[in-house]
Amino acid sequence: MKVLANDGIDSKGKAAIESLGLTVLTDKVPQDELISFINEHSIVGLLVRSATNVRQPLIDACPSLRFIGRGGVGIDNIDAAYAREKGVEVFNTPASSSASVAELVMAMIFASNRFLYQAGGSMPHGGHESFESLKKSYGKGTEVRGKTIGIIGFGRIGQALAEYALGCGMHVLFFDLSKTSQSIALHIQNQKLEMELQVSTFEEVISISDFISLHVPKQPNGDSVIGKNEFAMMKKNAVVINTSRGGTVNELELLEALNNNQIAGACLDVFENEPRPNMDLLKHSKIISTPHIGAATAEAQERIGLEIAENIKRIMKF
């Protein structure tokens, strides 16, 4: 039996799946050739990340499929409910990449506060001739300690981010429709410190926070979570960070808010039109952008691969 890991898989995860007696193919099959490839090779399992979409026509056209797995948190690129109706198991790996995404958010916060993205990018071109002017331009950073981070969506990633932020001396607010409070465990050396956080209103998070980080799924109706009205409520020094899904921040209204100096900046790891993001976002001097690398650490990919293998073992009843 064959499994297609169309968006790649960690070597340890691949080995763990193959130890179950399955063959893992890692060919990158273009979206429009996927149905024919699955049928030609009698694929029983399709593994994807965010690049490959698994919609109803593919599910209908590929009767050999017994499971679809996504290496990551969401499953919005899979018609999961329909697949399950057709008897195809669908799973994801929600626990594996929380720390990696949270660390990227913290890296973006530090980079934003100290202009690392702009200053570092300027050094190869002007560091020799314009060292003093660059120092003057970018030597206006602020410290993270004492600043307030507002976290919208307080699942595993939001909670992991809160732990890092608290450890750096930040104030943490969160908004989540399903929670009234949440206990956060800080692990310091061999000690564990529990802190209880109380939910804030969405308006409080938006209006009080210095940094606003989104950790929510794509909205079913396609609406953004943050747009023109929310930007108008934010502090002038606010920085919006999106490592969740493209479209949860209205990109055109974000550009307008930045150009009108309503907010100070934005950090984006996800985009509406991946893999071809809006160039106005990528070139904007107040935006730090990365190519959807939130879960792209060696540790996270290993955990994802091993969690996928455990799901396959459960499904196939090895």
Protein backbone atom coordinates (compact mmCIF):
# COMPACT_ATOMS: atom_id res chain seq x y z
CA MET A 1 0.00 0.00 0.00
CA LYS A 2 1.24 3.46 -0.93
CA VAL A 3 1.04 6.83 0.79
CA LEU A 4 1.75 10.11 -1.01
CA ALA A 5 3.35 12.86 1.08
CA ASN A 6 2.73 15.53 -1.51
CA ASP A 7 4.11 18.47 0.48
CA GLY A 8 7.05 16.53 1.95
CA ILE A 9 7.60 14.78 5.27
CA ASP A 10 10.41 14.56 7.82
CA SER A 11 12.72 11.58 7.36
CA LYS A 12 11.91 10.15 10.80
CA GLY A 13 8.21 10.40 10.11
CA LYS A 14 8.69 8.71 6.74
CA ALA A 15 10.67 5.91 8.37
CA ALA A 16 7.99 5.48 11.05
CA ILE A 17 5.27 5.13 8.40
CA GLU A 18 7.34 2.71 6.35
CA SER A 19 7.94 0.61 9.47
CA LEU A 20 4.19 -0.10 9.34
CA GLY A 21 4.68 -1.76 5.95
CA LEU A 22 3.56 1.16 3.81
CA THR A 23 5.47 2.72 0.93
CA VAL A 24 5.81 6.51 1.21
CA LEU A 25 6.11 8.47 -2.03
CA THR A 26 7.45 12.02 -1.75
CA ASP A 27 6.94 13.12 -5.36
CA LYS A 28 5.64 16.69 -5.57
CA VAL A 29 2.64 16.19 -7.82
CA PRO A 30 1.07 19.35 -9.32
CA GLN A 31 -2.49 20.01 -8.17
CA ASP A 32 -3.97 19.41 -11.62
CA GLU A 33 -2.22 16.02 -11.94
CA LEU A 34 -3.02 14.77 -8.46
CA ILE A 35 -6.16 12.75 -9.28
CA SER A 36 -4.51 10.79 -12.06
CA PHE A 37 -1.40 10.14 -9.95
CA ILE A 38 -3.42 8.86 -6.98
CA ASN A 39 -5.45 6.53 -9.18
CA GLU A 40 -2.47 5.33 -11.20
CA HIS A 41 -0.55 4.37 -8.06
CA SER A 42 -3.56 3.21 -5.98
CA ILE A 43 -2.69 5.65 -3.20
CA VAL A 44 -4.42 4.78 0.11
CA GLY A 45 -3.27 7.86 2.03
CA LEU A 46 -2.63 11.47 1.01
CA LEU A 47 -0.50 13.65 3.28
CA VAL A 48 -0.43 17.41 2.74
CA ARG A 49 0.56 20.63 4.45
CA SER A 50 -0.74 24.00 3.25
CA ALA A 51 0.25 23.89 -0.42
CA THR A 52 -2.04 21.09 -1.63
CA ASN A 53 -5.84 21.37 -1.64
CA VAL A 54 -8.02 18.29 -1.19
CA ARG A 55 -11.50 19.19 -2.37
CA GLN A 56 -14.68 17.27 -3.12
CA PRO A 57 -13.91 16.47 -6.80
CA LEU A 58 -10.60 14.83 -5.83
CA ILE A 59 -12.26 12.85 -3.03
CA ASP A 60 -14.97 11.64 -5.42
CA ALA A 61 -12.46 10.74 -8.14
CA CYS A 62 -10.06 8.75 -5.92
CA PRO A 63 -11.85 5.73 -4.42
CA SER A 64 -8.60 4.17 -3.21
CA LEU A 65 -8.08 6.87 -0.56
CA ARG A 66 -8.60 5.68 3.02
CA PHE A 67 -7.17 8.68 4.83
CA ILE A 68 -6.06 12.28 4.33
CA GLY A 69 -3.62 13.81 6.80
CA ARG A 70 -2.44 17.39 7.19
CA GLY A 71 0.86 18.19 8.80
CA GLY A 72 -0.20 21.27 10.71
CA VAL A 73 -2.95 22.81 12.79
CA GLY A 74 -5.84 23.64 10.46
CA ILE A 75 -7.62 21.57 7.84
CA ASP A 76 -9.18 24.40 5.83
CA ASN A 77 -7.46 23.18 2.64
CA ILE A 78 -9.33 19.86 2.97
CA ASP A 79 -13.07 19.25 2.53
CA ALA A 80 -12.92 17.28 5.75
CA ALA A 81 -16.62 16.88 6.50
CA TYR A 82 -17.32 15.62 2.99
CA ALA A 83 -14.39 13.20 3.11
CA ARG A 84 -15.63 11.73 6.37
CA GLU A 85 -19.12 11.32 4.88
CA LYS A 86 -17.47 9.27 2.13
CA GLY A 87 -15.69 7.08 4.69
CA VAL A 88 -12.28 8.72 4.33
CA GLU A 89 -10.51 9.48 7.62
CA VAL A 90 -9.14 13.02 8.03
CA PHE A 91 -6.64 14.10 10.68
CA ASN A 92 -4.15 16.87 11.42
CA THR A 93 -1.29 17.37 13.88
CA PRO A 94 -2.42 20.19 16.17
CA ALA A 95 0.09 19.63 18.96
CA SER A 96 3.32 19.44 16.99
CA SER A 97 4.07 22.98 15.81
CA SER A 98 2.81 25.20 18.63
CA ALA A 99 6.25 26.10 20.00
CA SER A 100 7.69 26.74 16.54
CA VAL A 101 4.96 29.19 15.54
CA ALA A 102 5.11 30.91 18.93
CA GLU A 103 8.88 31.35 18.59
CA LEU A 104 8.47 32.91 15.15
CA VAL A 105 6.01 35.43 16.62
CA MET A 106 8.50 36.31 19.36
CA ALA A 107 11.26 36.66 16.75
CA MET A 108 9.03 39.04 14.80
CA ILE A 109 8.33 41.08 17.94
CA PHE A 110 12.03 41.48 18.70
CA ALA A 111 12.83 42.22 15.06
CA SER A 112 10.08 44.83 14.91
CA ASN A 113 11.14 46.56 18.13
CA ARG A 114 14.79 46.77 17.11
CA PHE A 115 14.39 47.27 13.33
CA LEU A 116 16.44 44.10 12.71
CA TYR A 117 14.74 43.41 9.38
CA GLN A 118 15.44 46.87 7.99
CA ALA A 119 18.82 47.45 9.66
CA GLY A 120 20.15 44.00 8.78
CA GLY A 121 18.97 44.34 5.19
CA SER A 122 20.69 47.73 4.88
CA MET A 123 24.11 46.64 6.14
CA PRO A 124 25.32 44.67 3.08
CA HIS A 125 24.56 47.64 0.81
CA GLY A 126 25.34 50.65 2.99
CA GLY A 127 27.08 49.44 6.11
CA HIS A 128 30.57 50.32 4.89
CA GLU A 129 29.88 53.79 3.51
CA SER A 130 26.90 54.85 5.64
CA PHE A 131 27.48 53.15 8.99
CA GLU A 132 26.82 56.24 11.12
CA SER A 133 23.68 57.25 9.23
CA LEU A 134 22.29 53.72 9.51
CA LYS A 135 23.05 53.74 13.22
CA LYS A 136 21.17 57.01 13.55
CA SER A 137 18.22 55.75 11.50
CA TYR A 138 17.76 52.43 13.29
CA GLY A 139 19.11 53.19 16.75
CA LYS A 140 15.66 54.07 18.04
CA GLY A 141 14.47 50.69 19.25
CA THR A 142 12.30 49.92 22.25
CA GLU A 143 12.39 47.07 24.75
CA VAL A 144 9.90 44.21 24.78
CA ARG A 145 9.76 43.93 28.56
CA GLY A 146 6.72 45.74 29.91
CA LYS A 147 4.89 45.86 26.57
CA THR A 148 1.44 44.31 26.13
CA ILE A 149 0.71 41.51 23.69
CA GLY A 150 -2.88 40.74 22.74
CA ILE A 151 -3.51 37.20 21.49
CA ILE A 152 -6.62 36.54 19.42
CA GLY A 153 -7.38 32.83 19.55
CA PHE A 154 -6.07 31.01 22.61
CA GLY A 155 -5.60 27.42 21.52
CA ARG A 156 -2.31 25.54 21.71
CA ILE A 157 -0.31 28.12 19.73
CA GLY A 158 -1.80 31.10 21.53
CA GLN A 159 -1.02 29.51 24.89
CA ALA A 160 2.54 28.65 23.83
CA LEU A 161 3.00 32.27 22.75
CA ALA A 162 1.68 33.48 26.11
CA GLU A 163 4.27 31.35 27.91
CA TYR A 164 7.12 32.88 25.88
CA ALA A 165 5.76 36.41 26.26
CA LEU A 166 5.30 36.09 30.02
CA GLY A 167 8.83 34.75 30.27
CA CYS A 168 10.06 37.92 28.56
CA GLY A 169 8.26 40.15 31.02
CA MET A 170 5.36 41.12 28.76
CA HIS A 171 1.77 41.71 29.82
CA VAL A 172 -0.55 39.20 28.13
CA LEU A 173 -4.18 39.74 27.12
CA PHE A 174 -6.19 37.19 25.20
CA PHE A 175 -9.55 36.88 23.47
CA ASP A 176 -11.18 33.54 22.72
CA LEU A 177 -14.88 32.84 22.31
CA SER A 178 -14.61 29.45 24.01
CA LYS A 179 -12.74 30.48 27.17
CA THR A 180 -13.23 32.60 30.26
CA SER A 181 -9.81 31.88 31.75
CA GLN A 182 -6.73 29.79 31.03
CA SER A 183 -3.88 28.49 33.17
CA ILE A 184 -0.43 28.99 31.62
CA ALA A 185 2.57 26.97 32.80
CA LEU A 186 5.96 28.71 32.66
CA HIS A 187 8.84 26.25 32.61
CA ILE A 188 11.99 27.85 34.03
CA GLN A 189 14.95 25.50 34.40
CA ASN A 190 13.47 22.59 36.35
CA GLN A 191 10.71 24.65 37.91
CA LYS A 192 7.10 25.06 36.82
CA LEU A 193 5.15 28.23 37.56
CA GLU A 194 1.39 28.32 36.96
CA MET A 195 -0.34 31.59 36.04
CA GLU A 196 -4.07 32.12 35.58
CA LEU A 197 -5.08 34.52 32.79
CA GLN A 198 -8.59 35.93 32.45
CA VAL A 199 -10.18 36.49 29.06
CA SER A 200 -10.48 40.07 27.78
CA THR A 201 -13.00 41.42 25.31
CA PHE A 202 -12.03 41.65 21.67
CA GLU A 203 -12.19 45.45 21.90
CA GLU A 204 -9.86 45.50 24.90
CA VAL A 205 -7.29 43.34 23.15
CA ILE A 206 -7.43 45.49 20.03
CA SER A 207 -7.26 48.86 21.77
CA ILE A 208 -4.80 48.19 24.62
CA SER A 209 -2.16 45.95 23.05
CA ASP A 210 1.20 47.02 21.64
CA PHE A 211 1.37 43.77 19.67
CA ILE A 212 -1.69 41.92 18.35
CA SER A 213 -1.10 38.32 17.26
CA LEU A 214 -3.72 36.24 15.45
CA HIS A 215 -4.11 32.49 16.00
CA VAL A 216 -7.50 31.74 14.50
CA PRO A 217 -8.68 29.60 11.57
CA LYS A 218 -9.84 31.02 8.28
CA GLN A 219 -13.33 32.39 8.79
CA PRO A 220 -16.12 30.29 7.18
CA ASN A 221 -17.68 33.32 5.50
CA GLY A 222 -14.32 34.56 4.22
CA ASP A 223 -14.46 37.72 6.34
CA SER A 224 -11.35 39.13 7.95
CA VAL A 225 -10.91 39.26 11.73
CA ILE A 226 -8.99 42.52 11.58
CA GLY A 227 -9.82 45.25 9.12
CA LYS A 228 -10.53 48.95 8.84
CA ASN A 229 -12.66 49.24 11.99
CA GLU A 230 -10.14 47.37 14.11
CA PHE A 231 -7.17 49.38 12.82
CA ALA A 232 -9.01 52.54 13.82
CA MET A 233 -9.23 51.25 17.41
CA MET A 234 -5.51 50.40 17.73
CA LYS A 235 -2.75 52.40 19.35
CA LYS A 236 -0.48 54.37 17.00
CA ASN A 237 2.47 52.19 18.02
CA ALA A 238 0.60 48.88 17.51
CA VAL A 239 2.10 46.08 15.43
CA VAL A 240 -0.17 43.40 13.94
CA ILE A 241 1.25 39.88 13.57
CA ASN A 242 -0.41 37.20 11.44
CA THR A 243 0.97 33.66 11.46
CA SER A 244 -2.45 32.00 11.25
CA ARG A 245 -4.13 32.15 7.84
CA GLY A 246 -4.08 34.57 4.95
CA GLY A 247 -7.23 36.66 4.89
CA THR A 248 -7.73 36.89 8.65
CA VAL A 249 -6.17 40.34 8.26
CA ASN A 250 -7.63 42.43 5.44
CA GLU A 251 -4.48 43.13 3.44
CA LEU A 252 -5.70 46.17 1.49
CA GLU A 253 -7.01 47.82 4.65
CA LEU A 254 -3.75 46.96 6.40
CA LEU A 255 -1.82 48.83 3.72
CA GLU A 256 -4.15 51.79 4.11
CA ALA A 257 -3.68 51.81 7.90
CA LEU A 258 0.11 51.70 7.54
CA ASN A 259 0.18 54.40 4.87
CA ASN A 260 -2.03 56.63 7.04
CA ASN A 261 0.15 56.02 10.12
CA GLN A 262 -2.79 54.54 12.01
CA ILE A 263 -0.52 51.73 13.27
CA ALA A 264 3.25 51.30 13.41
CA GLY A 265 3.79 48.06 11.53
CA ALA A 266 2.88 44.50 10.68
CA CYS A 267 4.57 41.10 10.57
CA LEU A 268 3.13 38.56 8.12
CA ASP A 269 3.95 34.89 7.63
CA VAL A 270 0.73 34.10 5.73
CA PHE A 271 -0.98 35.79 2.80
CA GLU A 272 -4.26 35.78 0.90
CA ASN A 273 -2.74 34.80 -2.43
CA GLU A 274 -0.10 32.25 -1.49
CA PRO A 275 2.16 31.34 -3.13
CA ARG A 276 2.05 34.70 -4.94
CA PRO A 277 1.53 37.38 -2.26
CA ASN A 278 0.66 40.99 -3.02
CA MET A 279 3.95 42.75 -3.87
CA ASP A 280 2.80 45.93 -2.12
CA LEU A 281 2.93 43.99 1.14
CA LEU A 282 6.33 42.45 0.47
CA LYS A 283 7.91 45.80 -0.44
CA HIS A 284 6.35 47.89 2.32
CA SER A 285 8.90 49.43 4.67
CA LYS A 286 6.70 48.85 7.73
CA ILE A 287 6.05 45.17 7.10
CA ILE A 288 8.24 42.22 8.05
CA SER A 289 7.32 39.28 5.83
CA THR A 290 8.30 35.61 5.82
CA PRO A 291 7.21 32.82 3.42
CA HIS A 292 4.84 30.78 5.66
CA ILE A 293 7.59 29.27 7.81
CA GLY A 294 5.80 29.21 11.17
CA ALA A 295 6.08 25.44 11.59
CA ALA A 296 9.28 25.11 9.59
CA THR A 297 11.69 24.01 12.30
CA ALA A 298 13.52 20.69 12.38
CA GLU A 299 11.94 19.84 15.73
CA ALA A 300 8.38 20.63 14.63
CA GLN A 301 8.69 18.71 11.36
CA GLU A 302 9.99 15.67 13.21
CA ARG A 303 7.10 15.84 15.70
CA ILE A 304 4.62 16.29 12.83
CA GLY A 305 6.00 13.28 10.96
CA LEU A 306 5.84 11.05 14.04
CA GLU A 307 2.32 12.24 14.92
CA ILE A 308 1.21 11.46 11.36
CA ALA A 309 2.65 7.96 11.72
CA GLU A 310 0.72 7.41 14.97
CA ASN A 311 -2.50 8.52 13.28
CA ILE A 312 -1.92 6.16 10.38
CA LYS A 313 -1.23 3.28 12.79
CA ARG A 314 -4.54 4.01 14.51
CA ILE A 315 -6.51 4.30 11.29
CA MET A 316 -5.05 1.28 9.54
CA LYS A 317 -5.14 -0.76 12.80
CA PHE A 318 -1.62 -2.11 12.48
